[in-house]
Amino acid sequence: MTDLSKSKRPYLIRAMHEWMGDNGHTPHIVVDTGVDGVTVPTEHIKDGKIILNISHSAAHNLKLTNAGISFRARFSGIPFDVWAPVKSVMGIYAKETGQGMIFSHGSDGQPEPPDDPEQDSFKVDRSHLKVVK
């Protein structure tokens, strides 16, 4: 990947968000709060992470840009403007099913190669989440 290439991560986040919404599921993101620039209510951080509901009903004025995710939400009844740089998003999943994507730190959205290319990636005994770098 050249330096001029854009990260795939924001595109994958937007696609998963749309897919979840189209299927009536509630999209949540897991954010690493140790990444510079993250703005979230500190009282809701647990183990250096926060899980955020980014459904249109919970995240007002939601913006999913190539730089980050921003919205206004209520936390314990108090409005708060959230900002999560794209690189801080560790994963996105549907609350109802757990289906989604997990991203590796430092990656640009490059998918991780499979351990065994011959192995069927849709086998039932494999996790439904896939690590994406």
N, C-alpha and C. Protein backbone atom coordinates (compact mmCIF):
# COMPACT_ATOMS: atom_id res chain seq x y z
N MET A 1 0.84 -1.18 0.00
CA MET A 1 0.00 0.00 0.00
C MET A 1 0.89 1.24 0.00
N THR A 2 0.61 2.16 -0.87
CA THR A 2 1.42 3.37 -0.95
C THR A 2 0.97 4.37 0.10
N ASP A 3 1.81 5.35 0.35
CA ASP A 3 1.48 6.39 1.33
C ASP A 3 0.26 7.20 0.91
N LEU A 4 -0.03 7.25 -0.39
CA LEU A 4 -1.14 8.03 -0.88
C LEU A 4 -2.48 7.29 -0.76
N SER A 5 -2.43 5.99 -0.49
CA SER A 5 -3.66 5.22 -0.34
C SER A 5 -4.39 5.61 0.92
N LYS A 6 -5.71 5.61 0.84
CA LYS A 6 -6.52 5.92 2.00
C LYS A 6 -6.84 4.64 2.76
N SER A 7 -7.02 4.76 4.05
CA SER A 7 -7.37 3.64 4.89
C SER A 7 -8.74 3.10 4.47
N LYS A 8 -8.88 1.78 4.50
CA LYS A 8 -10.17 1.14 4.20
C LYS A 8 -11.09 1.17 5.42
N ARG A 9 -10.53 1.38 6.59
CA ARG A 9 -11.30 1.29 7.83
C ARG A 9 -12.56 2.17 7.84
N PRO A 10 -12.50 3.48 7.49
CA PRO A 10 -13.73 4.27 7.54
C PRO A 10 -14.79 3.78 6.56
N TYR A 11 -14.36 3.26 5.42
CA TYR A 11 -15.29 2.74 4.42
C TYR A 11 -15.97 1.47 4.94
N LEU A 12 -15.20 0.63 5.61
CA LEU A 12 -15.77 -0.60 6.17
C LEU A 12 -16.73 -0.27 7.32
N ILE A 13 -16.39 0.72 8.12
CA ILE A 13 -17.28 1.13 9.22
C ILE A 13 -18.60 1.64 8.65
N ARG A 14 -18.53 2.49 7.62
CA ARG A 14 -19.76 3.00 7.01
C ARG A 14 -20.59 1.88 6.40
N ALA A 15 -19.93 0.97 5.72
CA ALA A 15 -20.65 -0.15 5.10
C ALA A 15 -21.33 -1.02 6.14
N MET A 16 -20.62 -1.35 7.21
CA MET A 16 -21.20 -2.19 8.26
C MET A 16 -22.34 -1.45 8.96
N HIS A 17 -22.19 -0.16 9.17
CA HIS A 17 -23.24 0.65 9.80
C HIS A 17 -24.51 0.61 8.94
N GLU A 18 -24.35 0.79 7.64
CA GLU A 18 -25.50 0.77 6.74
C GLU A 18 -26.15 -0.61 6.70
N TRP A 19 -25.32 -1.66 6.62
CA TRP A 19 -25.83 -3.03 6.57
C TRP A 19 -26.62 -3.36 7.84
N MET A 20 -26.10 -2.96 8.98
CA MET A 20 -26.79 -3.23 10.25
C MET A 20 -28.12 -2.48 10.30
N GLY A 21 -28.11 -1.22 9.89
CA GLY A 21 -29.34 -0.44 9.88
C GLY A 21 -30.38 -1.04 8.94
N ASP A 22 -29.95 -1.46 7.76
CA ASP A 22 -30.86 -2.07 6.79
C ASP A 22 -31.49 -3.35 7.31
N ASN A 23 -30.79 -4.02 8.22
CA ASN A 23 -31.28 -5.28 8.78
C ASN A 23 -31.97 -5.09 10.12
N GLY A 24 -32.19 -3.84 10.52
CA GLY A 24 -32.89 -3.56 11.77
C GLY A 24 -32.08 -3.82 13.02
N HIS A 25 -30.75 -3.84 12.88
CA HIS A 25 -29.88 -4.08 14.02
C HIS A 25 -29.31 -2.77 14.54
N THR A 26 -28.81 -2.80 15.77
CA THR A 26 -28.27 -1.62 16.43
C THR A 26 -26.74 -1.66 16.37
N PRO A 27 -26.12 -0.76 15.57
CA PRO A 27 -24.66 -0.77 15.47
C PRO A 27 -23.98 -0.16 16.70
N HIS A 28 -22.99 -0.86 17.19
CA HIS A 28 -22.17 -0.38 18.31
C HIS A 28 -20.71 -0.41 17.86
N ILE A 29 -19.93 0.55 18.34
CA ILE A 29 -18.50 0.53 18.09
C ILE A 29 -17.76 0.40 19.41
N VAL A 30 -16.59 -0.22 19.34
CA VAL A 30 -15.70 -0.31 20.49
C VAL A 30 -14.55 0.64 20.21
N VAL A 31 -14.32 1.57 21.13
CA VAL A 31 -13.31 2.60 20.93
C VAL A 31 -12.20 2.46 21.97
N ASP A 32 -10.96 2.51 21.50
CA ASP A 32 -9.79 2.54 22.38
C ASP A 32 -9.63 3.98 22.84
N THR A 33 -9.91 4.24 24.11
CA THR A 33 -9.88 5.61 24.62
C THR A 33 -8.46 6.13 24.87
N GLY A 34 -7.47 5.29 24.69
CA GLY A 34 -6.08 5.71 24.85
C GLY A 34 -5.51 6.38 23.61
N VAL A 35 -6.25 6.33 22.52
CA VAL A 35 -5.78 6.96 21.28
C VAL A 35 -5.96 8.47 21.38
N ASP A 36 -4.96 9.21 20.94
CA ASP A 36 -5.03 10.67 20.99
C ASP A 36 -6.23 11.18 20.22
N GLY A 37 -6.93 12.14 20.81
CA GLY A 37 -8.04 12.79 20.15
C GLY A 37 -9.41 12.26 20.50
N VAL A 38 -9.47 11.12 21.18
CA VAL A 38 -10.77 10.55 21.56
C VAL A 38 -11.44 11.47 22.58
N THR A 39 -12.70 11.81 22.32
CA THR A 39 -13.47 12.65 23.24
C THR A 39 -14.74 11.90 23.59
N VAL A 40 -14.77 11.30 24.77
CA VAL A 40 -15.92 10.55 25.27
C VAL A 40 -16.06 10.86 26.76
N PRO A 41 -17.23 10.60 27.33
CA PRO A 41 -17.37 10.83 28.78
C PRO A 41 -16.51 9.83 29.55
N THR A 42 -15.57 10.34 30.31
CA THR A 42 -14.59 9.48 30.99
C THR A 42 -15.22 8.53 32.01
N GLU A 43 -16.36 8.92 32.58
CA GLU A 43 -16.98 8.06 33.59
C GLU A 43 -17.56 6.77 33.00
N HIS A 44 -17.62 6.67 31.67
CA HIS A 44 -18.16 5.48 31.02
C HIS A 44 -17.07 4.61 30.39
N ILE A 45 -15.82 4.98 30.62
CA ILE A 45 -14.69 4.20 30.11
C ILE A 45 -14.45 3.02 31.05
N LYS A 46 -14.26 1.84 30.45
CA LYS A 46 -13.96 0.65 31.24
C LYS A 46 -12.79 -0.08 30.59
N ASP A 47 -11.74 -0.30 31.35
CA ASP A 47 -10.55 -0.99 30.87
C ASP A 47 -9.96 -0.32 29.62
N GLY A 48 -10.01 1.01 29.58
CA GLY A 48 -9.43 1.74 28.47
C GLY A 48 -10.26 1.73 27.19
N LYS A 49 -11.50 1.25 27.29
CA LYS A 49 -12.37 1.17 26.13
C LYS A 49 -13.75 1.70 26.47
N ILE A 50 -14.49 2.05 25.44
CA ILE A 50 -15.89 2.43 25.61
C ILE A 50 -16.67 1.85 24.43
N ILE A 51 -17.87 1.39 24.72
CA ILE A 51 -18.76 0.88 23.69
C ILE A 51 -19.82 1.95 23.45
N LEU A 52 -19.99 2.34 22.19
CA LEU A 52 -20.90 3.41 21.84
C LEU A 52 -21.96 2.93 20.86
N ASN A 53 -23.20 3.25 21.15
CA ASN A 53 -24.32 2.96 20.26
C ASN A 53 -24.32 4.05 19.18
N ILE A 54 -24.12 3.65 17.92
CA ILE A 54 -24.09 4.65 16.85
C ILE A 54 -25.30 4.49 15.91
N SER A 55 -26.41 4.03 16.47
CA SER A 55 -27.64 3.98 15.68
C SER A 55 -28.13 5.41 15.50
N HIS A 56 -28.91 5.64 14.44
CA HIS A 56 -29.40 7.00 14.18
C HIS A 56 -30.31 7.50 15.30
N SER A 57 -30.96 6.59 16.02
CA SER A 57 -31.84 7.03 17.11
C SER A 57 -31.07 7.44 18.36
N ALA A 58 -29.85 6.92 18.53
CA ALA A 58 -29.06 7.25 19.72
C ALA A 58 -27.99 8.29 19.46
N ALA A 59 -27.44 8.28 18.25
CA ALA A 59 -26.34 9.17 17.90
C ALA A 59 -26.88 10.29 17.01
N HIS A 60 -27.13 11.43 17.61
CA HIS A 60 -27.70 12.56 16.88
C HIS A 60 -26.63 13.30 16.10
N ASN A 61 -26.98 13.71 14.87
CA ASN A 61 -26.05 14.38 13.98
C ASN A 61 -24.81 13.52 13.72
N LEU A 62 -25.05 12.22 13.52
CA LEU A 62 -23.96 11.26 13.30
C LEU A 62 -23.23 11.56 12.00
N LYS A 63 -21.90 11.60 12.10
CA LYS A 63 -21.05 11.79 10.93
C LYS A 63 -19.99 10.70 10.96
N LEU A 64 -19.96 9.92 9.88
CA LEU A 64 -18.98 8.86 9.71
C LEU A 64 -18.06 9.30 8.58
N THR A 65 -16.96 9.97 8.92
CA THR A 65 -16.05 10.51 7.90
C THR A 65 -14.78 9.67 7.83
N ASN A 66 -13.93 10.00 6.88
CA ASN A 66 -12.66 9.28 6.78
C ASN A 66 -11.75 9.58 7.96
N ALA A 67 -11.97 10.71 8.63
CA ALA A 67 -11.14 11.09 9.77
C ALA A 67 -11.64 10.49 11.08
N GLY A 68 -12.96 10.38 11.23
CA GLY A 68 -13.48 9.89 12.50
C GLY A 68 -14.98 9.83 12.54
N ILE A 69 -15.47 9.51 13.72
CA ILE A 69 -16.90 9.40 13.98
C ILE A 69 -17.27 10.45 15.00
N SER A 70 -18.29 11.25 14.67
CA SER A 70 -18.73 12.27 15.61
C SER A 70 -20.25 12.23 15.71
N PHE A 71 -20.74 12.56 16.90
CA PHE A 71 -22.18 12.63 17.14
C PHE A 71 -22.42 13.22 18.52
N ARG A 72 -23.68 13.53 18.79
CA ARG A 72 -24.09 13.99 20.11
C ARG A 72 -25.00 12.92 20.69
N ALA A 73 -24.76 12.56 21.93
CA ALA A 73 -25.58 11.53 22.59
C ALA A 73 -25.75 11.90 24.06
N ARG A 74 -26.68 11.22 24.68
CA ARG A 74 -26.90 11.41 26.12
C ARG A 74 -26.26 10.25 26.88
N PHE A 75 -25.54 10.59 27.91
CA PHE A 75 -24.92 9.63 28.80
C PHE A 75 -25.45 9.92 30.19
N SER A 76 -26.21 9.00 30.74
CA SER A 76 -26.87 9.22 32.03
C SER A 76 -27.69 10.51 32.00
N GLY A 77 -28.33 10.77 30.86
CA GLY A 77 -29.20 11.92 30.71
C GLY A 77 -28.51 13.23 30.37
N ILE A 78 -27.18 13.21 30.31
CA ILE A 78 -26.42 14.43 30.05
C ILE A 78 -25.90 14.41 28.60
N PRO A 79 -26.22 15.46 27.80
CA PRO A 79 -25.73 15.48 26.41
C PRO A 79 -24.22 15.64 26.35
N PHE A 80 -23.62 14.96 25.35
CA PHE A 80 -22.17 14.97 25.22
C PHE A 80 -21.82 14.86 23.74
N ASP A 81 -20.86 15.67 23.27
CA ASP A 81 -20.38 15.60 21.90
C ASP A 81 -19.21 14.61 21.85
N VAL A 82 -19.40 13.54 21.11
CA VAL A 82 -18.41 12.46 21.01
C VAL A 82 -17.58 12.63 19.75
N TRP A 83 -16.29 12.35 19.86
CA TRP A 83 -15.39 12.30 18.71
C TRP A 83 -14.49 11.09 18.89
N ALA A 84 -14.46 10.23 17.87
CA ALA A 84 -13.58 9.06 17.88
C ALA A 84 -12.83 9.02 16.56
N PRO A 85 -11.53 9.29 16.58
CA PRO A 85 -10.77 9.17 15.34
C PRO A 85 -10.90 7.75 14.80
N VAL A 86 -10.87 7.61 13.49
CA VAL A 86 -11.05 6.29 12.87
C VAL A 86 -10.06 5.27 13.45
N LYS A 87 -8.82 5.70 13.68
CA LYS A 87 -7.81 4.76 14.18
C LYS A 87 -8.12 4.26 15.60
N SER A 88 -9.02 4.92 16.32
CA SER A 88 -9.38 4.48 17.67
C SER A 88 -10.49 3.42 17.67
N VAL A 89 -11.16 3.25 16.53
CA VAL A 89 -12.26 2.29 16.45
C VAL A 89 -11.68 0.89 16.33
N MET A 90 -11.93 0.09 17.35
CA MET A 90 -11.41 -1.27 17.40
C MET A 90 -12.33 -2.27 16.71
N GLY A 91 -13.61 -1.91 16.60
CA GLY A 91 -14.55 -2.81 15.97
C GLY A 91 -15.93 -2.22 15.90
N ILE A 92 -16.77 -2.83 15.08
CA ILE A 92 -18.17 -2.45 14.95
C ILE A 92 -18.97 -3.75 14.91
N TYR A 93 -20.07 -3.79 15.67
CA TYR A 93 -20.87 -5.01 15.71
C TYR A 93 -22.34 -4.67 15.95
N ALA A 94 -23.20 -5.62 15.59
CA ALA A 94 -24.63 -5.47 15.82
C ALA A 94 -24.95 -5.99 17.21
N LYS A 95 -25.61 -5.16 18.01
CA LYS A 95 -25.93 -5.53 19.39
C LYS A 95 -26.74 -6.83 19.45
N GLU A 96 -27.68 -6.97 18.52
CA GLU A 96 -28.60 -8.10 18.56
C GLU A 96 -27.95 -9.43 18.19
N THR A 97 -26.97 -9.41 17.30
CA THR A 97 -26.39 -10.67 16.80
C THR A 97 -24.92 -10.85 17.11
N GLY A 98 -24.22 -9.74 17.42
CA GLY A 98 -22.78 -9.82 17.63
C GLY A 98 -21.99 -9.84 16.33
N GLN A 99 -22.67 -9.85 15.19
CA GLN A 99 -21.97 -9.87 13.90
C GLN A 99 -21.34 -8.51 13.64
N GLY A 100 -20.14 -8.53 13.09
CA GLY A 100 -19.47 -7.29 12.79
C GLY A 100 -18.04 -7.50 12.36
N MET A 101 -17.20 -6.52 12.62
CA MET A 101 -15.78 -6.57 12.27
C MET A 101 -14.94 -6.06 13.42
N ILE A 102 -13.77 -6.67 13.57
CA ILE A 102 -12.79 -6.22 14.54
C ILE A 102 -11.60 -5.72 13.75
N PHE A 103 -11.04 -4.58 14.15
CA PHE A 103 -9.88 -4.01 13.47
C PHE A 103 -8.66 -4.12 14.37
N SER A 104 -7.49 -4.32 13.77
CA SER A 104 -6.24 -4.37 14.52
C SER A 104 -5.66 -2.98 14.63
N HIS A 105 -4.94 -2.72 15.71
CA HIS A 105 -4.28 -1.42 15.88
C HIS A 105 -3.21 -1.23 14.83
N GLY A 106 -3.09 0.00 14.39
CA GLY A 106 -2.03 0.33 13.45
C GLY A 106 -2.30 -0.11 12.02
N SER A 107 -3.45 -0.69 11.78
CA SER A 107 -3.74 -1.15 10.43
C SER A 107 -4.47 -0.07 9.66
N ASP A 108 -4.46 -0.21 8.37
CA ASP A 108 -5.18 0.73 7.51
C ASP A 108 -6.40 0.06 6.90
N GLY A 109 -6.96 -0.88 7.61
CA GLY A 109 -8.13 -1.56 7.08
C GLY A 109 -7.76 -2.71 6.15
N GLN A 110 -6.48 -3.08 6.13
CA GLN A 110 -6.07 -4.20 5.30
C GLN A 110 -6.54 -5.49 5.96
N PRO A 111 -7.23 -6.36 5.23
CA PRO A 111 -7.67 -7.61 5.83
C PRO A 111 -6.49 -8.50 6.18
N GLU A 112 -6.62 -9.22 7.27
CA GLU A 112 -5.59 -10.15 7.68
C GLU A 112 -5.70 -11.40 6.82
N PRO A 113 -4.58 -11.89 6.30
CA PRO A 113 -4.67 -13.09 5.47
C PRO A 113 -5.11 -14.27 6.31
N PRO A 114 -5.85 -15.21 5.71
CA PRO A 114 -6.31 -16.37 6.48
C PRO A 114 -5.13 -17.25 6.87
N ASP A 115 -5.29 -17.97 7.99
CA ASP A 115 -4.24 -18.89 8.44
C ASP A 115 -4.06 -20.01 7.42
N ASP A 116 -5.16 -20.51 6.89
CA ASP A 116 -5.14 -21.60 5.93
C ASP A 116 -6.03 -21.21 4.75
N PRO A 117 -5.44 -20.84 3.61
CA PRO A 117 -6.25 -20.38 2.48
C PRO A 117 -7.24 -21.44 1.99
N GLU A 118 -6.96 -22.70 2.25
CA GLU A 118 -7.85 -23.77 1.82
C GLU A 118 -9.08 -23.89 2.71
N GLN A 119 -9.00 -23.35 3.92
CA GLN A 119 -10.08 -23.50 4.89
C GLN A 119 -11.28 -22.62 4.52
N ASP A 120 -12.47 -23.19 4.66
CA ASP A 120 -13.70 -22.45 4.35
C ASP A 120 -13.94 -21.42 5.44
N SER A 121 -13.98 -20.13 5.07
CA SER A 121 -14.14 -19.07 6.07
C SER A 121 -15.57 -18.97 6.61
N PHE A 122 -16.47 -19.76 6.07
CA PHE A 122 -17.86 -19.70 6.53
C PHE A 122 -18.24 -20.92 7.36
N LYS A 123 -17.27 -21.69 7.81
CA LYS A 123 -17.57 -22.86 8.65
C LYS A 123 -18.27 -22.43 9.93
N VAL A 124 -19.16 -23.24 10.39
CA VAL A 124 -19.96 -22.91 11.57
C VAL A 124 -19.12 -22.81 12.83
N ASP A 125 -18.04 -23.60 12.93
CA ASP A 125 -17.26 -23.61 14.16
C ASP A 125 -16.31 -22.41 14.28
N ARG A 126 -16.22 -21.58 13.25
CA ARG A 126 -15.38 -20.39 13.32
C ARG A 126 -16.18 -19.22 13.85
N SER A 127 -15.48 -18.30 14.46
CA SER A 127 -16.14 -17.09 14.96
C SER A 127 -16.74 -16.32 13.79
N HIS A 128 -17.84 -15.63 14.07
CA HIS A 128 -18.47 -14.81 13.04
C HIS A 128 -17.78 -13.46 12.89
N LEU A 129 -16.82 -13.16 13.76
CA LEU A 129 -16.08 -11.90 13.66
C LEU A 129 -14.75 -12.16 12.98
N LYS A 130 -14.31 -11.22 12.17
CA LYS A 130 -13.06 -11.37 11.45
C LYS A 130 -12.13 -10.21 11.79
N VAL A 131 -10.87 -10.51 12.07
CA VAL A 131 -9.88 -9.47 12.35
C VAL A 131 -9.52 -8.81 11.04
N VAL A 132 -9.58 -7.49 11.00
CA VAL A 132 -9.22 -6.72 9.81
C VAL A 132 -8.11 -5.76 10.19
N LYS A 133 -7.03 -5.82 9.44
CA LYS A 133 -5.90 -4.92 9.72
C LYS A 133 -5.95 -3.74 8.81
